[in-house]
PDB file of all heavy atoms in Angstrom:
ATOM      1  N   ALA A   1     -93.198  62.520 -33.879  1.00  0.00           N
ATOM      2  CA  ALA A   1     -93.505  63.290 -35.083  1.00  0.00           C
ATOM      3  C   ALA A   1     -94.364  62.504 -36.068  1.00  0.00           C
ATOM      4  O   ALA A   1     -95.192  63.089 -36.764  1.00  0.00           O
ATOM      5  CB  ALA A   1     -92.219  63.746 -35.756  1.00  0.00           C
ATOM      6  N   VAL A   2     -94.182  61.187 -36.138  1.00  0.00           N
ATOM      7  CA  VAL A   2     -94.954  60.411 -37.111  1.00  0.00           C
ATOM      8  C   VAL A   2     -96.419  60.277 -36.716  1.00  0.00           C
ATOM      9  O   VAL A   2     -97.218  59.792 -37.510  1.00  0.00           O
ATOM     10  CB  VAL A   2     -94.339  59.022 -37.396  1.00  0.00           C
ATOM     11  CG1 VAL A   2     -92.976  59.151 -38.009  1.00  0.00           C
ATOM     12  CG2 VAL A   2     -94.342  58.139 -36.182  1.00  0.00           C
ATOM     13  N   LEU A   3     -96.767  60.711 -35.540  1.00  0.00           N
ATOM     14  CA  LEU A   3     -98.181  60.746 -35.181  1.00  0.00           C
ATOM     15  C   LEU A   3     -98.922  61.794 -36.001  1.00  0.00           C
ATOM     16  O   LEU A   3    -100.127  61.728 -36.166  1.00  0.00           O
ATOM     17  CB  LEU A   3     -98.345  61.030 -33.684  1.00  0.00           C
ATOM     18  CG  LEU A   3     -97.782  59.950 -32.757  1.00  0.00           C
ATOM     19  CD1 LEU A   3     -97.898  60.402 -31.303  1.00  0.00           C
ATOM     20  CD2 LEU A   3     -98.484  58.629 -32.962  1.00  0.00           C
ATOM     21  N   SER A   4     -98.154  62.732 -36.547  1.00  0.00           N
ATOM     22  CA  SER A   4     -98.727  63.759 -37.412  1.00  0.00           C
ATOM     23  C   SER A   4     -98.970  63.156 -38.799  1.00  0.00           C
ATOM     24  O   SER A   4     -98.150  62.402 -39.299  1.00  0.00           O
ATOM     25  CB  SER A   4     -97.754  64.931 -37.524  1.00  0.00           C
ATOM     26  OG  SER A   4     -98.089  65.754 -38.602  1.00  0.00           O
ATOM     27  N   PRO A   5    -100.078  63.517 -39.446  1.00  0.00           N
ATOM     28  CA  PRO A   5    -100.362  62.946 -40.765  1.00  0.00           C
ATOM     29  C   PRO A   5     -99.415  63.430 -41.858  1.00  0.00           C
ATOM     30  O   PRO A   5     -99.383  62.863 -42.938  1.00  0.00           O
ATOM     31  CB  PRO A   5    -101.801  63.393 -41.048  1.00  0.00           C
ATOM     32  CG  PRO A   5    -102.044  64.540 -40.155  1.00  0.00           C
ATOM     33  CD  PRO A   5    -101.150  64.372 -38.960  1.00  0.00           C
ATOM     34  N   VAL A   6     -98.590  64.449 -41.600  1.00  0.00           N
ATOM     35  CA  VAL A   6     -97.713  64.983 -42.639  1.00  0.00           C
ATOM     36  C   VAL A   6     -96.278  64.468 -42.525  1.00  0.00           C
ATOM     37  O   VAL A   6     -95.433  64.841 -43.317  1.00  0.00           O
ATOM     38  CB  VAL A   6     -97.695  66.535 -42.625  1.00  0.00           C
ATOM     39  CG1 VAL A   6     -99.052  67.086 -42.976  1.00  0.00           C
ATOM     40  CG2 VAL A   6     -97.208  67.050 -41.283  1.00  0.00           C
ATOM     41  N   ALA A   7     -95.978  63.623 -41.571  1.00  0.00           N
ATOM     42  CA  ALA A   7     -94.613  63.131 -41.373  1.00  0.00           C
ATOM     43  C   ALA A   7     -94.569  61.610 -41.525  1.00  0.00           C
ATOM     44  O   ALA A   7     -94.771  60.879 -40.564  1.00  0.00           O
ATOM     45  CB  ALA A   7     -94.101  63.530 -39.995  1.00  0.00           C
ATOM     46  N   PRO A   8     -94.300  61.108 -42.732  1.00  0.00           N
ATOM     47  CA  PRO A   8     -94.269  59.654 -42.929  1.00  0.00           C
ATOM     48  C   PRO A   8     -93.038  59.027 -42.267  1.00  0.00           C
ATOM     49  O   PRO A   8     -91.928  59.559 -42.309  1.00  0.00           O
ATOM     50  CB  PRO A   8     -94.205  59.504 -44.445  1.00  0.00           C
ATOM     51  CG  PRO A   8     -93.580  60.772 -44.920  1.00  0.00           C
ATOM     52  CD  PRO A   8     -94.021  61.844 -43.950  1.00  0.00           C
ATOM     53  N   ALA A   9     -93.241  57.875 -41.657  1.00  0.00           N
ATOM     54  CA  ALA A   9     -92.152  57.172 -40.973  1.00  0.00           C
ATOM     55  C   ALA A   9     -91.039  56.793 -41.942  1.00  0.00           C
ATOM     56  O   ALA A   9     -89.869  56.798 -41.578  1.00  0.00           O
ATOM     57  CB  ALA A   9     -92.688  55.935 -40.276  1.00  0.00           C
ATOM     58  N   ALA A  10     -91.385  56.478 -43.183  1.00  0.00           N
ATOM     59  CA  ALA A  10     -90.378  56.064 -44.162  1.00  0.00           C
ATOM     60  C   ALA A  10     -89.331  57.145 -44.389  1.00  0.00           C
ATOM     61  O   ALA A  10     -88.159  56.838 -44.609  1.00  0.00           O
ATOM     62  CB  ALA A  10     -91.050  55.692 -45.478  1.00  0.00           C
ATOM     63  N   ALA A  11     -89.731  58.403 -44.330  1.00  0.00           N
ATOM     64  CA  ALA A  11     -88.773  59.495 -44.510  1.00  0.00           C
ATOM     65  C   ALA A  11     -87.736  59.483 -43.392  1.00  0.00           C
ATOM     66  O   ALA A  11     -86.546  59.682 -43.635  1.00  0.00           O
ATOM     67  CB  ALA A  11     -89.494  60.836 -44.554  1.00  0.00           C
ATOM     68  N   PHE A  12     -88.175  59.254 -42.165  1.00  0.00           N
ATOM     69  CA  PHE A  12     -87.240  59.187 -41.040  1.00  0.00           C
ATOM     70  C   PHE A  12     -86.329  57.967 -41.160  1.00  0.00           C
ATOM     71  O   PHE A  12     -85.141  58.038 -40.868  1.00  0.00           O
ATOM     72  CB  PHE A  12     -87.979  59.167 -39.702  1.00  0.00           C
ATOM     73  CG  PHE A  12     -88.616  60.482 -39.352  1.00  0.00           C
ATOM     74  CD1 PHE A  12     -89.981  60.561 -39.146  1.00  0.00           C
ATOM     75  CD2 PHE A  12     -87.864  61.633 -39.221  1.00  0.00           C
ATOM     76  CE1 PHE A  12     -90.580  61.761 -38.814  1.00  0.00           C
ATOM     77  CE2 PHE A  12     -88.448  62.848 -38.883  1.00  0.00           C
ATOM     78  CZ  PHE A  12     -89.815  62.907 -38.681  1.00  0.00           C
ATOM     79  N   GLU A  13     -86.880  56.861 -41.577  1.00  0.00           N
ATOM     80  CA  GLU A  13     -86.069  55.657 -41.725  1.00  0.00           C
ATOM     81  C   GLU A  13     -84.953  55.886 -42.732  1.00  0.00           C
ATOM     82  O   GLU A  13     -83.819  55.466 -42.514  1.00  0.00           O
ATOM     83  CB  GLU A  13     -86.938  54.471 -42.131  1.00  0.00           C
ATOM     84  CG  GLU A  13     -87.804  53.956 -41.002  1.00  0.00           C
ATOM     85  CD  GLU A  13     -88.616  52.734 -41.384  1.00  0.00           C
ATOM     86  OE1 GLU A  13     -88.352  52.131 -42.448  1.00  0.00           O
ATOM     87  OE2 GLU A  13     -89.517  52.375 -40.606  1.00  0.00           O
ATOM     88  N   GLU A  14     -85.269  56.548 -43.830  1.00  0.00           N
ATOM     89  CA  GLU A  14     -84.254  56.830 -44.841  1.00  0.00           C
ATOM     90  C   GLU A  14     -83.156  57.727 -44.274  1.00  0.00           C
ATOM     91  O   GLU A  14     -81.966  57.473 -44.489  1.00  0.00           O
ATOM     92  CB  GLU A  14     -84.916  57.499 -46.049  1.00  0.00           C
ATOM     93  CG  GLU A  14     -84.007  57.620 -47.247  1.00  0.00           C
ATOM     94  CD  GLU A  14     -84.751  58.146 -48.460  1.00  0.00           C
ATOM     95  OE1 GLU A  14     -85.831  57.607 -48.776  1.00  0.00           O
ATOM     96  OE2 GLU A  14     -84.244  59.096 -49.069  1.00  0.00           O
ATOM     97  N   LEU A  15     -83.524  58.753 -43.533  1.00  0.00           N
ATOM     98  CA  LEU A  15     -82.540  59.632 -42.897  1.00  0.00           C
ATOM     99  C   LEU A  15     -81.681  58.861 -41.898  1.00  0.00           C
ATOM    100  O   LEU A  15     -80.453  59.039 -41.843  1.00  0.00           O
ATOM    101  CB  LEU A  15     -83.230  60.793 -42.181  1.00  0.00           C
ATOM    102  CG  LEU A  15     -83.850  61.862 -43.059  1.00  0.00           C
ATOM    103  CD1 LEU A  15     -84.661  62.840 -42.206  1.00  0.00           C
ATOM    104  CD2 LEU A  15     -82.775  62.596 -43.831  1.00  0.00           C
ATOM    105  N   ASN A  16     -82.305  58.004 -41.107  1.00  0.00           N
ATOM    106  CA  ASN A  16     -81.566  57.242 -40.102  1.00  0.00           C
ATOM    107  C   ASN A  16     -80.620  56.237 -40.747  1.00  0.00           C
ATOM    108  O   ASN A  16     -79.520  55.999 -40.253  1.00  0.00           O
ATOM    109  CB  ASN A  16     -82.528  56.560 -39.138  1.00  0.00           C
ATOM    110  CG  ASN A  16     -83.247  57.571 -38.270  1.00  0.00           C
ATOM    111  OD1 ASN A  16     -82.814  58.709 -38.135  1.00  0.00           O
ATOM    112  ND2 ASN A  16     -84.359  57.171 -37.684  1.00  0.00           N
ATOM    113  N   GLU A  17     -81.042  55.650 -41.859  1.00  0.00           N
ATOM    114  CA  GLU A  17     -80.149  54.722 -42.552  1.00  0.00           C
ATOM    115  C   GLU A  17     -78.974  55.478 -43.169  1.00  0.00           C
ATOM    116  O   GLU A  17     -77.841  54.999 -43.148  1.00  0.00           O
ATOM    117  CB  GLU A  17     -80.892  53.917 -43.610  1.00  0.00           C
ATOM    118  CG  GLU A  17     -80.045  52.795 -44.154  1.00  0.00           C
ATOM    119  CD  GLU A  17     -80.846  51.733 -44.883  1.00  0.00           C
ATOM    120  OE1 GLU A  17     -82.026  51.965 -45.195  1.00  0.00           O
ATOM    121  OE2 GLU A  17     -80.275  50.665 -45.130  1.00  0.00           O
ATOM    122  N   ASP A  18     -79.219  56.664 -43.703  1.00  0.00           N
ATOM    123  CA  ASP A  18     -78.124  57.494 -44.218  1.00  0.00           C
ATOM    124  C   ASP A  18     -77.132  57.832 -43.106  1.00  0.00           C
ATOM    125  O   ASP A  18     -75.917  57.794 -43.313  1.00  0.00           O
ATOM    126  CB  ASP A  18     -78.655  58.784 -44.843  1.00  0.00           C
ATOM    127  CG  ASP A  18     -79.342  58.560 -46.178  1.00  0.00           C
ATOM    128  OD1 ASP A  18     -79.161  57.478 -46.790  1.00  0.00           O
ATOM    129  OD2 ASP A  18     -80.065  59.481 -46.624  1.00  0.00           O
ATOM    130  N   ASP A  19     -77.632  58.162 -41.921  1.00  0.00           N
ATOM    131  CA  ASP A  19     -76.765  58.440 -40.776  1.00  0.00           C
ATOM    132  C   ASP A  19     -75.944  57.198 -40.416  1.00  0.00           C
ATOM    133  O   ASP A  19     -74.750  57.300 -40.122  1.00  0.00           O
ATOM    134  CB  ASP A  19     -77.575  58.888 -39.562  1.00  0.00           C
ATOM    135  CG  ASP A  19     -78.107  60.299 -39.686  1.00  0.00           C
ATOM    136  OD1 ASP A  19     -77.632  61.062 -40.555  1.00  0.00           O
ATOM    137  OD2 ASP A  19     -79.022  60.643 -38.905  1.00  0.00           O
ATOM    138  N   ALA A  20     -76.581  56.042 -40.421  1.00  0.00           N
ATOM    139  CA  ALA A  20     -75.878  54.801 -40.097  1.00  0.00           C
ATOM    140  C   ALA A  20     -74.779  54.529 -41.123  1.00  0.00           C
ATOM    141  O   ALA A  20     -73.661  54.125 -40.766  1.00  0.00           O
ATOM    142  CB  ALA A  20     -76.850  53.628 -40.025  1.00  0.00           C
ATOM    143  N   ARG A  21     -75.059  54.754 -42.394  1.00  0.00           N
ATOM    144  CA  ARG A  21     -74.041  54.565 -43.442  1.00  0.00           C
ATOM    145  C   ARG A  21     -72.859  55.511 -43.225  1.00  0.00           C
ATOM    146  O   ARG A  21     -71.708  55.119 -43.382  1.00  0.00           O
ATOM    147  CB  ARG A  21     -74.640  54.819 -44.824  1.00  0.00           C
ATOM    148  CG  ARG A  21     -75.407  53.687 -45.374  1.00  0.00           C
ATOM    149  CD  ARG A  21     -75.724  53.937 -46.854  1.00  0.00           C
ATOM    150  NE  ARG A  21     -76.750  53.032 -47.272  1.00  0.00           N
ATOM    151  CZ  ARG A  21     -78.009  53.355 -47.484  1.00  0.00           C
ATOM    152  NH1 ARG A  21     -78.422  54.592 -47.350  1.00  0.00           N
ATOM    153  NH2 ARG A  21     -78.875  52.449 -47.864  1.00  0.00           N
ATOM    154  N   SER A  22     -73.167  56.741 -42.887  1.00  0.00           N
ATOM    155  CA  SER A  22     -72.116  57.728 -42.657  1.00  0.00           C
ATOM    156  C   SER A  22     -71.215  57.305 -41.492  1.00  0.00           C
ATOM    157  O   SER A  22     -69.985  57.374 -41.585  1.00  0.00           O
ATOM    158  CB  SER A  22     -72.748  59.091 -42.384  1.00  0.00           C
ATOM    159  OG  SER A  22     -71.756  60.052 -42.114  1.00  0.00           O
ATOM    160  N   ARG A  23     -71.815  56.863 -40.395  1.00  0.00           N
ATOM    161  CA  ARG A  23     -71.020  56.402 -39.251  1.00  0.00           C
ATOM    162  C   ARG A  23     -70.203  55.163 -39.624  1.00  0.00           C
ATOM    163  O   ARG A  23     -69.042  55.029 -39.230  1.00  0.00           O
ATOM    164  CB  ARG A  23     -71.911  56.109 -38.046  1.00  0.00           C
ATOM    165  CG  ARG A  23     -72.249  57.339 -37.234  1.00  0.00           C
ATOM    166  CD  ARG A  23     -72.984  56.987 -35.955  1.00  0.00           C
ATOM    167  NE  ARG A  23     -74.213  56.255 -36.194  1.00  0.00           N
ATOM    168  CZ  ARG A  23     -75.387  56.838 -36.493  1.00  0.00           C
ATOM    169  NH1 ARG A  23     -75.477  58.144 -36.582  1.00  0.00           N
ATOM    170  NH2 ARG A  23     -76.451  56.100 -36.690  1.00  0.00           N
ATOM    171  N   ALA A  24     -70.787  54.252 -40.382  1.00  0.00           N
ATOM    172  CA  ALA A  24     -70.055  53.052 -40.794  1.00  0.00           C
ATOM    173  C   ALA A  24     -68.866  53.428 -41.666  1.00  0.00           C
ATOM    174  O   ALA A  24     -67.774  52.857 -41.511  1.00  0.00           O
ATOM    175  CB  ALA A  24     -70.985  52.088 -41.530  1.00  0.00           C
ATOM    176  N   ARG A  25     -69.037  54.393 -42.563  1.00  0.00           N
ATOM    177  CA  ARG A  25     -67.916  54.828 -43.402  1.00  0.00           C
ATOM    178  C   ARG A  25     -66.812  55.462 -42.560  1.00  0.00           C
ATOM    179  O   ARG A  25     -65.627  55.260 -42.817  1.00  0.00           O
ATOM    180  CB  ARG A  25     -68.396  55.787 -44.486  1.00  0.00           C
ATOM    181  CG  ARG A  25     -69.127  55.076 -45.623  1.00  0.00           C
ATOM    182  CD  ARG A  25     -69.353  55.986 -46.810  1.00  0.00           C
ATOM    183  NE  ARG A  25     -70.235  57.105 -46.495  1.00  0.00           N
ATOM    184  CZ  ARG A  25     -71.538  57.132 -46.713  1.00  0.00           C
ATOM    185  NH1 ARG A  25     -72.126  56.093 -47.265  1.00  0.00           N
ATOM    186  NH2 ARG A  25     -72.251  58.187 -46.399  1.00  0.00           N
ATOM    187  N   ASP A  26     -67.202  56.224 -41.526  1.00  0.00           N
ATOM    188  CA  ASP A  26     -66.215  56.792 -40.613  1.00  0.00           C
ATOM    189  C   ASP A  26     -65.463  55.659 -39.905  1.00  0.00           C
ATOM    190  O   ASP A  26     -64.232  55.708 -39.783  1.00  0.00           O
ATOM    191  CB  ASP A  26     -66.911  57.693 -39.580  1.00  0.00           C
ATOM    192  CG  ASP A  26     -65.940  58.230 -38.555  1.00  0.00           C
ATOM    193  OD1 ASP A  26     -64.980  58.933 -38.947  1.00  0.00           O
ATOM    194  OD2 ASP A  26     -66.133  57.952 -37.345  1.00  0.00           O
ATOM    195  N   GLY A  27     -66.176  54.651 -39.469  1.00  0.00           N
ATOM    196  CA  GLY A  27     -65.540  53.503 -38.830  1.00  0.00           C
ATOM    197  C   GLY A  27     -64.604  52.766 -39.767  1.00  0.00           C
ATOM    198  O   GLY A  27     -63.535  52.291 -39.354  1.00  0.00           O
TER     199      GLY A  27
END
Protein backbone atom coordinates (compact mmCIF):
# COMPACT_ATOMS: atom_id res chain seq x y z
CA ALA A 1 0.00 0.00 0.00
CA VAL A 2 2.83 2.45 0.71
CA LEU A 3 3.85 2.25 -2.92
CA SER A 4 0.85 4.50 -3.46
CA PRO A 5 1.59 8.22 -3.06
CA VAL A 6 -1.45 8.66 -0.77
CA ALA A 7 -0.50 6.08 1.89
CA PRO A 8 2.39 7.27 4.09
CA ALA A 9 4.35 4.54 5.87
CA ALA A 10 4.31 6.53 9.12
CA ALA A 11 0.54 6.11 9.38
CA PHE A 12 0.90 2.33 9.24
CA GLU A 13 3.71 2.36 11.76
CA GLU A 14 1.54 4.29 14.20
CA LEU A 15 -1.31 1.79 13.78
CA ASN A 16 1.06 -1.16 14.21
CA GLU A 17 2.58 0.33 17.34
CA ASP A 18 -0.92 0.88 18.76
CA ASP A 19 -1.69 -2.79 18.04
CA ALA A 20 1.54 -3.83 19.77
CA ARG A 21 0.64 -1.72 22.83
CA SER A 22 -2.80 -3.29 22.96
CA ARG A 23 -1.36 -6.83 22.85
CA ALA A 24 1.22 -5.93 25.51
CA ARG A 25 -1.54 -4.61 27.78
CA ASP A 26 -3.47 -7.85 27.27
CA GLY A 27 -0.32 -9.77 28.22
